[in-house]
Structures are given as C-alpha cells and as structure tokens.
N, C-alpha and C. Protein backbone atom coordinates (compact mmCIF):
# COMPACT_ATOMS: atom_id res chain seq x y z
N MET A 1 0.85 -1.20 0.00
CA MET A 1 0.00 0.00 0.00
C MET A 1 0.88 1.24 0.00
N LEU A 2 0.59 2.18 -0.88
CA LEU A 2 1.40 3.39 -0.98
C LEU A 2 1.12 4.32 0.19
N ALA A 3 2.20 4.91 0.72
CA ALA A 3 2.04 5.86 1.81
C ALA A 3 1.41 7.15 1.29
N ARG A 4 0.57 7.75 2.10
CA ARG A 4 -0.04 9.02 1.71
C ARG A 4 1.01 10.12 1.75
N PRO A 5 0.98 11.04 0.79
CA PRO A 5 1.96 12.13 0.80
C PRO A 5 1.80 12.99 2.05
N GLY A 6 2.93 13.45 2.58
CA GLY A 6 2.92 14.30 3.76
C GLY A 6 3.37 15.70 3.43
N PRO A 7 3.49 16.56 4.45
CA PRO A 7 3.89 17.96 4.23
C PRO A 7 5.19 18.11 3.45
N ASP A 8 6.17 17.25 3.74
CA ASP A 8 7.45 17.35 3.02
C ASP A 8 7.28 17.07 1.53
N ASP A 9 6.39 16.14 1.20
CA ASP A 9 6.14 15.82 -0.21
C ASP A 9 5.55 17.03 -0.94
N PHE A 10 4.63 17.71 -0.29
CA PHE A 10 4.01 18.88 -0.91
C PHE A 10 5.02 20.02 -1.03
N ALA A 11 5.89 20.15 -0.03
CA ALA A 11 6.94 21.18 -0.10
C ALA A 11 7.88 20.88 -1.25
N ASN A 12 8.22 19.61 -1.43
CA ASN A 12 9.12 19.22 -2.52
C ASN A 12 8.48 19.52 -3.88
N ARG A 13 7.20 19.23 -4.02
CA ARG A 13 6.51 19.49 -5.28
C ARG A 13 6.43 20.99 -5.57
N LEU A 14 6.17 21.77 -4.53
CA LEU A 14 6.09 23.22 -4.73
C LEU A 14 7.46 23.79 -5.05
N ARG A 15 8.50 23.27 -4.38
CA ARG A 15 9.87 23.70 -4.67
C ARG A 15 10.21 23.41 -6.13
N ASP A 16 9.90 22.21 -6.58
CA ASP A 16 10.19 21.84 -7.97
C ASP A 16 9.46 22.76 -8.95
N ALA A 17 8.23 23.12 -8.61
CA ALA A 17 7.44 23.99 -9.49
C ALA A 17 8.06 25.38 -9.58
N ILE A 18 8.61 25.86 -8.47
CA ILE A 18 9.25 27.17 -8.47
C ILE A 18 10.57 27.12 -9.24
N VAL A 19 11.38 26.10 -8.96
CA VAL A 19 12.68 25.98 -9.60
C VAL A 19 12.54 25.79 -11.11
N SER A 20 11.50 25.07 -11.53
CA SER A 20 11.31 24.80 -12.96
C SER A 20 10.72 26.00 -13.70
N GLY A 21 10.28 27.01 -12.95
CA GLY A 21 9.72 28.20 -13.59
C GLY A 21 8.21 28.16 -13.75
N HIS A 22 7.56 27.13 -13.20
CA HIS A 22 6.10 27.09 -13.26
C HIS A 22 5.51 28.31 -12.53
N PHE A 23 6.14 28.64 -11.40
CA PHE A 23 5.81 29.88 -10.70
C PHE A 23 7.01 30.81 -10.84
N MET A 24 6.77 32.02 -11.26
CA MET A 24 7.84 32.95 -11.60
C MET A 24 8.21 33.85 -10.42
N PRO A 25 9.43 34.44 -10.43
CA PRO A 25 9.83 35.37 -9.38
C PRO A 25 8.81 36.49 -9.20
N ASN A 26 8.48 36.75 -7.94
CA ASN A 26 7.51 37.78 -7.53
C ASN A 26 6.06 37.37 -7.76
N GLU A 27 5.82 36.19 -8.32
CA GLU A 27 4.44 35.75 -8.54
C GLU A 27 3.76 35.45 -7.21
N ARG A 28 2.53 35.91 -7.07
CA ARG A 28 1.74 35.62 -5.88
C ARG A 28 1.37 34.14 -5.84
N LEU A 29 1.44 33.56 -4.64
CA LEU A 29 1.09 32.17 -4.45
C LEU A 29 -0.21 32.13 -3.64
N ILE A 30 -1.32 31.97 -4.33
CA ILE A 30 -2.63 32.00 -3.71
C ILE A 30 -2.93 30.64 -3.07
N GLU A 31 -3.29 30.65 -1.79
CA GLU A 31 -3.49 29.40 -1.07
C GLU A 31 -4.46 28.46 -1.77
N GLN A 32 -5.62 28.98 -2.18
CA GLN A 32 -6.62 28.12 -2.79
C GLN A 32 -6.12 27.53 -4.11
N ASP A 33 -5.36 28.33 -4.85
CA ASP A 33 -4.78 27.81 -6.10
C ASP A 33 -3.80 26.68 -5.80
N LEU A 34 -3.02 26.84 -4.72
CA LEU A 34 -2.05 25.81 -4.35
C LEU A 34 -2.73 24.56 -3.82
N VAL A 35 -3.86 24.73 -3.13
CA VAL A 35 -4.64 23.58 -2.69
C VAL A 35 -5.01 22.71 -3.89
N GLU A 36 -5.45 23.36 -4.96
CA GLU A 36 -5.84 22.63 -6.17
C GLU A 36 -4.62 22.09 -6.91
N PHE A 37 -3.56 22.89 -6.98
CA PHE A 37 -2.35 22.48 -7.70
C PHE A 37 -1.70 21.26 -7.05
N LEU A 38 -1.65 21.26 -5.72
CA LEU A 38 -0.99 20.18 -4.99
C LEU A 38 -1.94 19.04 -4.63
N GLY A 39 -3.24 19.30 -4.72
CA GLY A 39 -4.21 18.27 -4.37
C GLY A 39 -4.22 17.95 -2.89
N THR A 40 -4.18 18.99 -2.07
CA THR A 40 -4.14 18.79 -0.63
C THR A 40 -5.02 19.83 0.05
N ASN A 41 -4.77 20.09 1.34
CA ASN A 41 -5.58 21.05 2.09
C ASN A 41 -4.75 22.28 2.45
N ARG A 42 -5.43 23.29 3.00
CA ARG A 42 -4.75 24.54 3.33
C ARG A 42 -3.66 24.35 4.38
N ALA A 43 -3.88 23.44 5.32
CA ALA A 43 -2.88 23.22 6.37
C ALA A 43 -1.55 22.76 5.77
N ASN A 44 -1.61 21.80 4.85
CA ASN A 44 -0.39 21.32 4.21
C ASN A 44 0.24 22.39 3.32
N VAL A 45 -0.59 23.19 2.66
CA VAL A 45 -0.07 24.28 1.84
C VAL A 45 0.70 25.27 2.70
N ARG A 46 0.14 25.60 3.87
CA ARG A 46 0.81 26.57 4.76
C ARG A 46 2.12 26.02 5.30
N ILE A 47 2.14 24.72 5.60
CA ILE A 47 3.38 24.10 6.07
C ILE A 47 4.43 24.14 4.96
N ALA A 48 4.01 23.83 3.74
CA ALA A 48 4.94 23.85 2.60
C ALA A 48 5.48 25.25 2.36
N LEU A 49 4.61 26.25 2.42
CA LEU A 49 5.05 27.63 2.22
C LEU A 49 6.02 28.06 3.31
N GLY A 50 5.75 27.66 4.54
CA GLY A 50 6.66 28.00 5.64
C GLY A 50 8.03 27.38 5.45
N LYS A 51 8.05 26.15 4.98
CA LYS A 51 9.33 25.46 4.73
C LYS A 51 10.12 26.18 3.64
N LEU A 52 9.43 26.56 2.56
CA LEU A 52 10.12 27.23 1.46
C LEU A 52 10.50 28.66 1.81
N GLU A 53 9.76 29.28 2.72
CA GLU A 53 10.18 30.59 3.22
C GLU A 53 11.50 30.46 3.97
N HIS A 54 11.61 29.42 4.78
CA HIS A 54 12.85 29.17 5.52
C HIS A 54 14.02 28.93 4.57
N GLU A 55 13.77 28.32 3.42
CA GLU A 55 14.82 28.04 2.44
C GLU A 55 15.17 29.26 1.59
N GLY A 56 14.35 30.30 1.68
CA GLY A 56 14.63 31.51 0.90
C GLY A 56 13.98 31.54 -0.46
N LEU A 57 13.08 30.60 -0.74
CA LEU A 57 12.41 30.57 -2.05
C LEU A 57 11.11 31.37 -2.06
N VAL A 58 10.53 31.55 -0.89
CA VAL A 58 9.22 32.19 -0.78
C VAL A 58 9.28 33.29 0.26
N VAL A 59 8.52 34.35 0.04
CA VAL A 59 8.34 35.42 1.02
C VAL A 59 6.88 35.42 1.45
N ILE A 60 6.64 35.42 2.77
CA ILE A 60 5.28 35.49 3.30
C ILE A 60 5.11 36.85 3.97
N GLU A 61 4.19 37.65 3.46
CA GLU A 61 3.99 39.01 3.94
C GLU A 61 2.66 39.12 4.69
N PRO A 62 2.65 39.75 5.86
CA PRO A 62 1.41 39.90 6.63
C PRO A 62 0.32 40.56 5.80
N ASN A 63 -0.85 39.97 5.84
CA ASN A 63 -2.04 40.50 5.16
C ASN A 63 -1.94 40.50 3.63
N ARG A 64 -0.86 39.96 3.08
CA ARG A 64 -0.72 39.94 1.63
C ARG A 64 -0.48 38.52 1.10
N GLY A 65 -0.10 37.62 1.97
CA GLY A 65 0.12 36.25 1.54
C GLY A 65 1.54 36.00 1.07
N ALA A 66 1.70 34.95 0.28
CA ALA A 66 3.03 34.49 -0.13
C ALA A 66 3.30 34.84 -1.59
N ARG A 67 4.57 34.97 -1.90
CA ARG A 67 5.01 35.17 -3.28
C ARG A 67 6.37 34.51 -3.45
N VAL A 68 6.71 34.21 -4.68
CA VAL A 68 8.03 33.67 -4.99
C VAL A 68 9.06 34.78 -4.80
N ARG A 69 10.10 34.48 -4.04
CA ARG A 69 11.09 35.52 -3.76
C ARG A 69 11.94 35.80 -4.99
N LEU A 70 12.15 37.06 -5.28
CA LEU A 70 13.01 37.48 -6.38
C LEU A 70 14.42 37.69 -5.84
N VAL A 71 15.34 36.85 -6.27
CA VAL A 71 16.74 36.99 -5.86
C VAL A 71 17.36 38.14 -6.63
N THR A 72 17.99 39.07 -5.92
CA THR A 72 18.62 40.21 -6.60
C THR A 72 19.90 39.76 -7.29
N ASP A 73 20.37 40.59 -8.20
CA ASP A 73 21.62 40.29 -8.90
C ASP A 73 22.77 40.13 -7.92
N ARG A 74 22.85 41.02 -6.94
CA ARG A 74 23.94 40.96 -5.97
C ARG A 74 23.86 39.67 -5.16
N GLU A 75 22.65 39.30 -4.74
CA GLU A 75 22.49 38.05 -3.99
C GLU A 75 22.92 36.86 -4.83
N ALA A 76 22.59 36.88 -6.11
CA ALA A 76 22.95 35.76 -6.99
C ALA A 76 24.46 35.56 -7.03
N VAL A 77 25.21 36.64 -7.11
CA VAL A 77 26.67 36.54 -7.12
C VAL A 77 27.16 36.01 -5.78
N GLU A 78 26.60 36.50 -4.68
CA GLU A 78 27.01 36.04 -3.35
C GLU A 78 26.69 34.56 -3.16
N ILE A 79 25.53 34.14 -3.66
CA ILE A 79 25.16 32.73 -3.57
C ILE A 79 26.15 31.87 -4.35
N MET A 80 26.54 32.34 -5.53
CA MET A 80 27.50 31.58 -6.33
C MET A 80 28.85 31.49 -5.62
N GLN A 81 29.25 32.56 -4.94
CA GLN A 81 30.51 32.53 -4.19
C GLN A 81 30.43 31.54 -3.04
N ALA A 82 29.29 31.51 -2.36
CA ALA A 82 29.10 30.54 -1.27
C ALA A 82 29.12 29.11 -1.81
N ARG A 83 28.50 28.94 -2.97
CA ARG A 83 28.53 27.62 -3.61
C ARG A 83 29.95 27.17 -3.88
N GLY A 84 30.81 28.11 -4.27
CA GLY A 84 32.19 27.76 -4.59
C GLY A 84 32.89 27.09 -3.43
N ALA A 85 32.69 27.64 -2.23
CA ALA A 85 33.34 27.07 -1.04
C ALA A 85 32.81 25.66 -0.76
N LEU A 86 31.50 25.49 -0.85
CA LEU A 86 30.91 24.19 -0.56
C LEU A 86 31.20 23.16 -1.66
N GLU A 87 31.13 23.60 -2.91
CA GLU A 87 31.41 22.67 -4.02
C GLU A 87 32.87 22.22 -3.97
N GLY A 88 33.76 23.13 -3.58
CA GLY A 88 35.16 22.76 -3.44
C GLY A 88 35.34 21.68 -2.39
N LEU A 89 34.63 21.83 -1.27
CA LEU A 89 34.70 20.83 -0.20
C LEU A 89 34.22 19.47 -0.68
N VAL A 90 33.07 19.42 -1.34
CA VAL A 90 32.55 18.11 -1.76
C VAL A 90 33.42 17.50 -2.86
N ALA A 91 34.04 18.32 -3.69
CA ALA A 91 34.95 17.78 -4.71
C ALA A 91 36.17 17.15 -4.04
N ARG A 92 36.70 17.80 -3.02
CA ARG A 92 37.83 17.24 -2.26
C ARG A 92 37.43 15.89 -1.66
N GLN A 93 36.27 15.84 -1.03
CA GLN A 93 35.83 14.60 -0.40
C GLN A 93 35.53 13.52 -1.43
N ALA A 94 35.01 13.93 -2.59
CA ALA A 94 34.75 12.96 -3.65
C ALA A 94 36.06 12.33 -4.13
N ALA A 95 37.10 13.14 -4.26
CA ALA A 95 38.40 12.62 -4.69
C ALA A 95 38.96 11.63 -3.67
N GLU A 96 38.67 11.87 -2.41
CA GLU A 96 39.16 10.98 -1.35
C GLU A 96 38.39 9.67 -1.29
N ARG A 97 37.14 9.67 -1.75
CA ARG A 97 36.26 8.53 -1.52
C ARG A 97 35.82 7.80 -2.78
N ALA A 98 36.10 8.35 -3.95
CA ALA A 98 35.58 7.78 -5.20
C ALA A 98 36.10 6.37 -5.45
N THR A 99 35.19 5.48 -5.80
CA THR A 99 35.56 4.14 -6.24
C THR A 99 35.87 4.17 -7.73
N ASP A 100 36.36 3.07 -8.25
CA ASP A 100 36.62 3.00 -9.69
C ASP A 100 35.32 3.22 -10.48
N ALA A 101 34.22 2.67 -9.97
CA ALA A 101 32.93 2.83 -10.65
C ALA A 101 32.49 4.29 -10.63
N ASP A 102 32.73 4.97 -9.50
CA ASP A 102 32.39 6.39 -9.40
C ASP A 102 33.18 7.21 -10.41
N LYS A 103 34.46 6.91 -10.50
CA LYS A 103 35.33 7.64 -11.43
C LYS A 103 34.88 7.43 -12.87
N GLN A 104 34.49 6.20 -13.19
CA GLN A 104 34.03 5.93 -14.55
C GLN A 104 32.74 6.67 -14.85
N ARG A 105 31.86 6.75 -13.84
CA ARG A 105 30.60 7.47 -14.04
C ARG A 105 30.87 8.94 -14.35
N LEU A 106 31.81 9.56 -13.65
CA LEU A 106 32.15 10.96 -13.91
C LEU A 106 32.76 11.12 -15.30
N LYS A 107 33.60 10.17 -15.69
CA LYS A 107 34.18 10.22 -17.03
C LYS A 107 33.09 10.11 -18.10
N ASP A 108 32.11 9.23 -17.85
CA ASP A 108 31.01 9.06 -18.81
C ASP A 108 30.20 10.35 -18.93
N LEU A 109 29.91 10.99 -17.81
CA LEU A 109 29.15 12.24 -17.84
C LEU A 109 29.93 13.35 -18.54
N THR A 110 31.25 13.37 -18.31
CA THR A 110 32.09 14.35 -18.99
C THR A 110 32.05 14.12 -20.50
N ALA A 111 32.10 12.85 -20.91
CA ALA A 111 32.03 12.53 -22.34
C ALA A 111 30.68 12.95 -22.93
N GLN A 112 29.61 12.78 -22.16
CA GLN A 112 28.29 13.21 -22.62
C GLN A 112 28.24 14.73 -22.79
N MET A 113 28.90 15.45 -21.89
CA MET A 113 28.96 16.90 -22.03
C MET A 113 29.74 17.29 -23.28
N GLN A 114 30.81 16.56 -23.57
CA GLN A 114 31.58 16.83 -24.78
C GLN A 114 30.73 16.63 -26.03
N THR A 115 29.93 15.57 -26.03
CA THR A 115 29.04 15.31 -27.17
C THR A 115 28.01 16.42 -27.33
N ALA A 116 27.40 16.82 -26.22
CA ALA A 116 26.40 17.90 -26.27
C ALA A 116 27.02 19.19 -26.77
N PHE A 117 28.26 19.45 -26.35
CA PHE A 117 28.94 20.67 -26.80
C PHE A 117 29.20 20.62 -28.30
N ARG A 118 29.70 19.48 -28.79
CA ARG A 118 29.99 19.34 -30.22
C ARG A 118 28.72 19.52 -31.06
N GLU A 119 27.60 19.06 -30.51
CA GLU A 119 26.33 19.15 -31.24
C GLU A 119 25.64 20.50 -31.05
N GLY A 120 26.24 21.35 -30.23
CA GLY A 120 25.66 22.67 -29.99
C GLY A 120 24.37 22.64 -29.19
N ASP A 121 24.16 21.58 -28.43
CA ASP A 121 22.93 21.42 -27.65
C ASP A 121 23.19 21.90 -26.22
N LEU A 122 23.01 23.20 -26.00
CA LEU A 122 23.32 23.78 -24.70
C LEU A 122 22.32 23.39 -23.62
N LEU A 123 21.08 23.09 -24.02
CA LEU A 123 20.11 22.62 -23.03
C LEU A 123 20.54 21.26 -22.48
N ALA A 124 20.96 20.37 -23.37
CA ALA A 124 21.46 19.06 -22.92
C ALA A 124 22.73 19.23 -22.11
N PHE A 125 23.61 20.12 -22.56
CA PHE A 125 24.86 20.39 -21.85
C PHE A 125 24.56 20.81 -20.41
N SER A 126 23.60 21.72 -20.25
CA SER A 126 23.24 22.21 -18.93
C SER A 126 22.63 21.10 -18.07
N ALA A 127 21.79 20.27 -18.67
CA ALA A 127 21.16 19.18 -17.92
C ALA A 127 22.19 18.16 -17.46
N ILE A 128 23.13 17.82 -18.33
CA ILE A 128 24.18 16.86 -17.95
C ILE A 128 25.06 17.46 -16.87
N ASN A 129 25.32 18.75 -16.97
CA ASN A 129 26.10 19.44 -15.95
C ASN A 129 25.46 19.27 -14.57
N GLY A 130 24.13 19.38 -14.51
CA GLY A 130 23.44 19.20 -13.24
C GLY A 130 23.63 17.79 -12.70
N ARG A 131 23.55 16.79 -13.58
CA ARG A 131 23.74 15.40 -13.15
C ARG A 131 25.18 15.16 -12.70
N TYR A 132 26.11 15.81 -13.38
CA TYR A 132 27.53 15.68 -13.04
C TYR A 132 27.78 16.16 -11.61
N HIS A 133 27.30 17.35 -11.30
CA HIS A 133 27.52 17.89 -9.95
C HIS A 133 26.79 17.06 -8.90
N ALA A 134 25.59 16.57 -9.24
CA ALA A 134 24.85 15.72 -8.31
C ALA A 134 25.62 14.44 -8.02
N GLU A 135 26.31 13.92 -9.02
CA GLU A 135 27.11 12.71 -8.84
C GLU A 135 28.28 12.97 -7.90
N ILE A 136 28.93 14.12 -8.04
CA ILE A 136 30.02 14.46 -7.13
C ILE A 136 29.50 14.60 -5.70
N HIS A 137 28.34 15.21 -5.56
CA HIS A 137 27.74 15.33 -4.22
C HIS A 137 27.49 13.94 -3.63
N ARG A 138 26.96 13.03 -4.43
CA ARG A 138 26.70 11.68 -3.94
C ARG A 138 27.98 10.98 -3.52
N ILE A 139 29.00 11.08 -4.36
CA ILE A 139 30.27 10.42 -4.07
C ILE A 139 30.89 10.96 -2.78
N SER A 140 30.75 12.25 -2.56
CA SER A 140 31.36 12.87 -1.37
C SER A 140 30.80 12.31 -0.08
N GLY A 141 29.53 11.91 -0.10
CA GLY A 141 28.89 11.41 1.10
C GLY A 141 28.53 12.48 2.11
N ASN A 142 28.72 13.74 1.73
CA ASN A 142 28.46 14.86 2.65
C ASN A 142 27.01 15.31 2.48
N LEU A 143 26.12 14.76 3.28
CA LEU A 143 24.70 15.04 3.13
C LEU A 143 24.36 16.48 3.51
N THR A 144 25.06 17.01 4.51
CA THR A 144 24.78 18.39 4.93
C THR A 144 25.15 19.37 3.83
N ALA A 145 26.33 19.23 3.26
CA ALA A 145 26.75 20.12 2.17
C ALA A 145 25.83 19.96 0.97
N THR A 146 25.42 18.73 0.68
CA THR A 146 24.52 18.49 -0.45
C THR A 146 23.19 19.20 -0.25
N ARG A 147 22.66 19.13 0.96
CA ARG A 147 21.39 19.81 1.25
C ARG A 147 21.53 21.32 1.13
N LEU A 148 22.62 21.87 1.65
CA LEU A 148 22.85 23.32 1.56
C LEU A 148 23.01 23.75 0.11
N LEU A 149 23.73 22.96 -0.66
CA LEU A 149 23.94 23.31 -2.07
C LEU A 149 22.63 23.27 -2.86
N ALA A 150 21.78 22.30 -2.56
CA ALA A 150 20.49 22.23 -3.24
C ALA A 150 19.67 23.48 -2.97
N ASN A 151 19.74 23.96 -1.74
CA ASN A 151 19.02 25.19 -1.37
C ASN A 151 19.58 26.38 -2.12
N LEU A 152 20.91 26.51 -2.15
CA LEU A 152 21.53 27.64 -2.83
C LEU A 152 21.23 27.61 -4.33
N LYS A 153 21.35 26.44 -4.94
CA LYS A 153 21.14 26.34 -6.38
C LYS A 153 19.70 26.65 -6.77
N SER A 154 18.75 26.25 -5.92
CA SER A 154 17.35 26.48 -6.25
C SER A 154 17.02 27.96 -6.30
N GLN A 155 17.79 28.77 -5.58
CA GLN A 155 17.51 30.21 -5.53
C GLN A 155 18.00 30.95 -6.77
N ILE A 156 18.92 30.35 -7.52
CA ILE A 156 19.51 31.09 -8.65
C ILE A 156 19.37 30.34 -9.97
N VAL A 157 18.44 29.39 -10.02
CA VAL A 157 18.32 28.58 -11.22
C VAL A 157 18.01 29.43 -12.45
N ARG A 158 17.28 30.55 -12.27
CA ARG A 158 16.92 31.36 -13.43
C ARG A 158 18.13 32.05 -14.07
N PHE A 159 19.24 32.13 -13.34
CA PHE A 159 20.44 32.77 -13.88
C PHE A 159 21.33 31.79 -14.65
N GLN A 160 21.17 30.49 -14.38
CA GLN A 160 22.17 29.52 -14.82
C GLN A 160 22.28 29.40 -16.34
N TYR A 161 21.14 29.32 -17.01
CA TYR A 161 21.21 29.14 -18.47
C TYR A 161 21.77 30.38 -19.15
N ARG A 162 21.55 31.56 -18.56
CA ARG A 162 22.09 32.79 -19.14
C ARG A 162 23.61 32.75 -19.17
N THR A 163 24.24 32.17 -18.15
CA THR A 163 25.71 32.16 -18.13
C THR A 163 26.28 31.26 -19.22
N ILE A 164 25.66 30.10 -19.44
CA ILE A 164 26.21 29.17 -20.42
C ILE A 164 26.01 29.69 -21.84
N MET A 165 25.10 30.66 -22.02
CA MET A 165 24.86 31.24 -23.34
C MET A 165 25.91 32.28 -23.73
N LEU A 166 26.75 32.71 -22.78
CA LEU A 166 27.80 33.67 -23.11
C LEU A 166 28.77 33.07 -24.13
N ALA A 167 29.22 33.89 -25.05
CA ALA A 167 30.16 33.42 -26.08
C ALA A 167 31.40 32.81 -25.44
N GLY A 168 31.70 31.57 -25.81
CA GLY A 168 32.90 30.88 -25.33
C GLY A 168 32.76 30.24 -23.97
N ARG A 169 31.65 30.51 -23.26
CA ARG A 169 31.53 29.99 -21.90
C ARG A 169 31.38 28.47 -21.88
N ALA A 170 30.61 27.90 -22.80
CA ALA A 170 30.41 26.46 -22.81
C ALA A 170 31.73 25.72 -23.02
N ARG A 171 32.56 26.23 -23.92
CA ARG A 171 33.86 25.60 -24.18
C ARG A 171 34.74 25.63 -22.92
N ARG A 172 34.77 26.79 -22.26
CA ARG A 172 35.58 26.89 -21.04
C ARG A 172 35.02 26.00 -19.93
N SER A 173 33.69 25.98 -19.83
CA SER A 173 33.05 25.15 -18.81
C SER A 173 33.39 23.67 -19.02
N LEU A 174 33.39 23.24 -20.27
CA LEU A 174 33.72 21.86 -20.57
C LEU A 174 35.13 21.52 -20.09
N GLN A 175 36.10 22.39 -20.37
CA GLN A 175 37.47 22.14 -19.94
C GLN A 175 37.57 22.13 -18.42
N GLU A 176 36.81 23.00 -17.77
CA GLU A 176 36.81 23.02 -16.30
C GLU A 176 36.31 21.69 -15.74
N HIS A 177 35.28 21.12 -16.37
CA HIS A 177 34.77 19.83 -15.92
C HIS A 177 35.77 18.71 -16.19
N VAL A 178 36.47 18.78 -17.30
CA VAL A 178 37.53 17.80 -17.58
C VAL A 178 38.59 17.85 -16.48
N ASP A 179 38.98 19.05 -16.08
CA ASP A 179 39.99 19.22 -15.04
C ASP A 179 39.52 18.64 -13.71
N ILE A 180 38.25 18.87 -13.38
CA ILE A 180 37.69 18.34 -12.13
C ILE A 180 37.68 16.82 -12.18
N THR A 181 37.22 16.27 -13.29
CA THR A 181 37.15 14.81 -13.45
C THR A 181 38.54 14.19 -13.34
N ASP A 182 39.51 14.79 -14.00
CA ASP A 182 40.88 14.26 -13.97
C ASP A 182 41.42 14.23 -12.54
N ALA A 183 41.16 15.30 -11.79
CA ALA A 183 41.68 15.37 -10.42
C ALA A 183 41.02 14.32 -9.53
N ILE A 184 39.70 14.17 -9.65
CA ILE A 184 39.01 13.17 -8.84
C ILE A 184 39.46 11.77 -9.23
N ALA A 185 39.60 11.52 -10.53
CA ALA A 185 40.03 10.20 -11.00
C ALA A 185 41.43 9.86 -10.51
N ALA A 186 42.26 10.89 -10.33
CA ALA A 186 43.63 10.68 -9.85
C ALA A 186 43.71 10.62 -8.33
N GLY A 187 42.58 10.83 -7.66
CA GLY A 187 42.59 10.85 -6.20
C GLY A 187 43.28 12.07 -5.63
N ASP A 188 43.36 13.12 -6.43
CA ASP A 188 44.04 14.37 -6.03
C ASP A 188 43.03 15.29 -5.35
N ALA A 189 42.90 15.17 -4.03
CA ALA A 189 41.89 15.92 -3.29
C ALA A 189 42.10 17.42 -3.40
N ALA A 190 43.34 17.86 -3.20
CA ALA A 190 43.63 19.30 -3.28
C ALA A 190 43.39 19.82 -4.69
N GLY A 191 43.78 19.03 -5.69
CA GLY A 191 43.58 19.44 -7.07
C GLY A 191 42.11 19.51 -7.44
N ALA A 192 41.32 18.56 -6.93
CA ALA A 192 39.88 18.57 -7.20
C ALA A 192 39.22 19.78 -6.58
N GLU A 193 39.60 20.09 -5.36
CA GLU A 193 39.04 21.27 -4.69
C GLU A 193 39.39 22.54 -5.45
N LYS A 194 40.65 22.66 -5.85
CA LYS A 194 41.09 23.85 -6.59
C LYS A 194 40.38 23.96 -7.93
N ALA A 195 40.26 22.85 -8.65
CA ALA A 195 39.60 22.87 -9.96
C ALA A 195 38.13 23.24 -9.83
N MET A 196 37.47 22.73 -8.79
CA MET A 196 36.06 23.05 -8.60
C MET A 196 35.88 24.51 -8.22
N GLN A 197 36.73 25.00 -7.34
CA GLN A 197 36.62 26.41 -6.95
C GLN A 197 36.89 27.33 -8.14
N GLN A 198 37.84 26.94 -8.99
CA GLN A 198 38.11 27.71 -10.20
C GLN A 198 36.88 27.72 -11.11
N HIS A 199 36.23 26.58 -11.22
CA HIS A 199 35.01 26.46 -12.02
C HIS A 199 33.94 27.42 -11.52
N LEU A 200 33.71 27.44 -10.21
CA LEU A 200 32.68 28.32 -9.65
C LEU A 200 33.09 29.79 -9.73
N ASP A 201 34.39 30.06 -9.63
CA ASP A 201 34.86 31.45 -9.83
C ASP A 201 34.54 31.92 -11.24
N GLU A 202 34.73 31.03 -12.21
CA GLU A 202 34.44 31.38 -13.60
C GLU A 202 32.95 31.61 -13.81
N ILE A 203 32.13 30.79 -13.15
CA ILE A 203 30.68 30.99 -13.26
C ILE A 203 30.28 32.32 -12.64
N SER A 204 30.89 32.65 -11.50
CA SER A 204 30.60 33.94 -10.85
C SER A 204 30.95 35.10 -11.78
N ALA A 205 32.09 34.99 -12.45
CA ALA A 205 32.50 36.04 -13.38
C ALA A 205 31.52 36.13 -14.55
N ALA A 206 31.09 34.96 -15.05
CA ALA A 206 30.12 34.95 -16.15
C ALA A 206 28.79 35.54 -15.70
N LEU A 207 28.40 35.23 -14.47
CA LEU A 207 27.15 35.77 -13.94
C LEU A 207 27.21 37.28 -13.84
N THR A 208 28.34 37.79 -13.38
CA THR A 208 28.52 39.24 -13.29
C THR A 208 28.39 39.88 -14.67
N THR A 209 28.94 39.21 -15.68
CA THR A 209 28.84 39.72 -17.05
C THR A 209 27.40 39.73 -17.54
N THR A 210 26.65 38.65 -17.28
CA THR A 210 25.26 38.60 -17.74
C THR A 210 24.40 39.63 -17.03
N ILE A 211 24.70 39.88 -15.77
CA ILE A 211 23.94 40.88 -15.01
C ILE A 211 24.13 42.26 -15.61
N ALA A 212 25.34 42.51 -16.11
CA ALA A 212 25.64 43.83 -16.69
C ALA A 212 24.96 44.02 -18.04
N LYS A 213 24.48 42.91 -18.65
CA LYS A 213 23.82 42.99 -19.96
C LYS A 213 22.34 42.68 -19.78
N PRO A 214 21.45 43.46 -20.36
CA PRO A 214 20.02 43.14 -20.30
C PRO A 214 19.76 41.79 -20.95
N GLU A 215 18.77 41.05 -20.41
CA GLU A 215 18.41 39.77 -21.01
C GLU A 215 17.95 39.98 -22.45
N GLY A 216 18.43 39.07 -23.32
CA GLY A 216 18.05 39.16 -24.72
C GLY A 216 19.01 39.98 -25.55
N VAL A 217 20.04 40.59 -24.89
CA VAL A 217 21.02 41.39 -25.63
C VAL A 217 22.23 40.54 -25.93
C-alpha cells in the first residue's frame, strides 16, 4: 500500500514547481490555487510555504500572503561565491572517496557533455552538468553540504542558463569539468578542490557579465 503524501512531499513538489519556472519570481502564491495544484488542504499548503520561506524561495507578507522571492543580482553573485566554497569541499571529499565505478561514471558524464557541446545542444549540456555535480555530491557522502547546495542552487536557477549562453563559456566550462574529473580520478583531493573552486569562480564572473547585460542582448 502506498504511503499518503505528507507535508514534506508537498513542499518538494512546490519547490520543484518554483525551480522549474512554473511559478515565476515575484508571482503571488494564492493558497486556494495551491490547494488545487498540490491536491491537498490549506494546512499542508501553509506548512509547505513556511518550509520554502525558511529556504529563501518564498516570502510570506502579513495581510498579503506568499510570493516567490526574487533573488537580486547581488544576492545571486554572493550565492555563487558561497557555492564555490561548498562545491570545493565536496569535490575534495569525492576525490578521497571515489571508487573506480564512481570515477568511470564521472568520465562518462564528462564525455556526454563533450558530445552535447559538439552538437551545440546547450540545453542538454546544462542538464548533464546538473547530473555531473549531483554525482560528485553523492560520491562525497556529505549530506549536509549536499542539502545546503540544493538550497543555494534552487535560488539562482533562473540565472544559470544565461551564463552558459555567453560566447565561449560552454567551451571553457567543458574544460573546467575535464579538469575536475581528472583530479578526482587521480585521487588528487587538493587538485579537485582547486579545480572546482576555479570552475565556480568562472561561473561567478560569467554571472557578473550577464547581469551587466540586459536579457536578450
């Protein structure tokens, strides 16, 4: 018998809807609409909204209700910088703990990114990139860092595709991932941490560039 969904399940579904763009930044989140969207009751909706407010995805205003929080450009850069420190840590731990099978999986994902790049499929490139980082998080075994990173990434997902669209960024990103994979495969913990931090530094720089340019320019 399947377990009935609980408050955490509804929070996860609402989080996914926000991250995927179903609900846009600054969009009002009407309780009754969410009751119908999630197929639950107001109590579970309120619990879900409270959880996402704690994560920084939602703002709840007295007498006005909830809305999707709009991350400012400055916050986005700061979040990316914070990600750099945490991603560096998990890359170091992944290099220390990776099995031969783990290393092969990272090599396979890197090869898939190379194929997507050659074919000019930046959507696929970006999707594989997400799986690649998730694999490093898994290998690291650091559940706390993984949870924190998921929270940080969910707040800036709308910026991510803009960075990879910058001229030359996909090529540089691919090489950065090759460097990370090589370091982890070699068991070079310090090298993996450095390569990952360099990767996030480059993303931060790309993000700063995209912020300076209006979308669509």
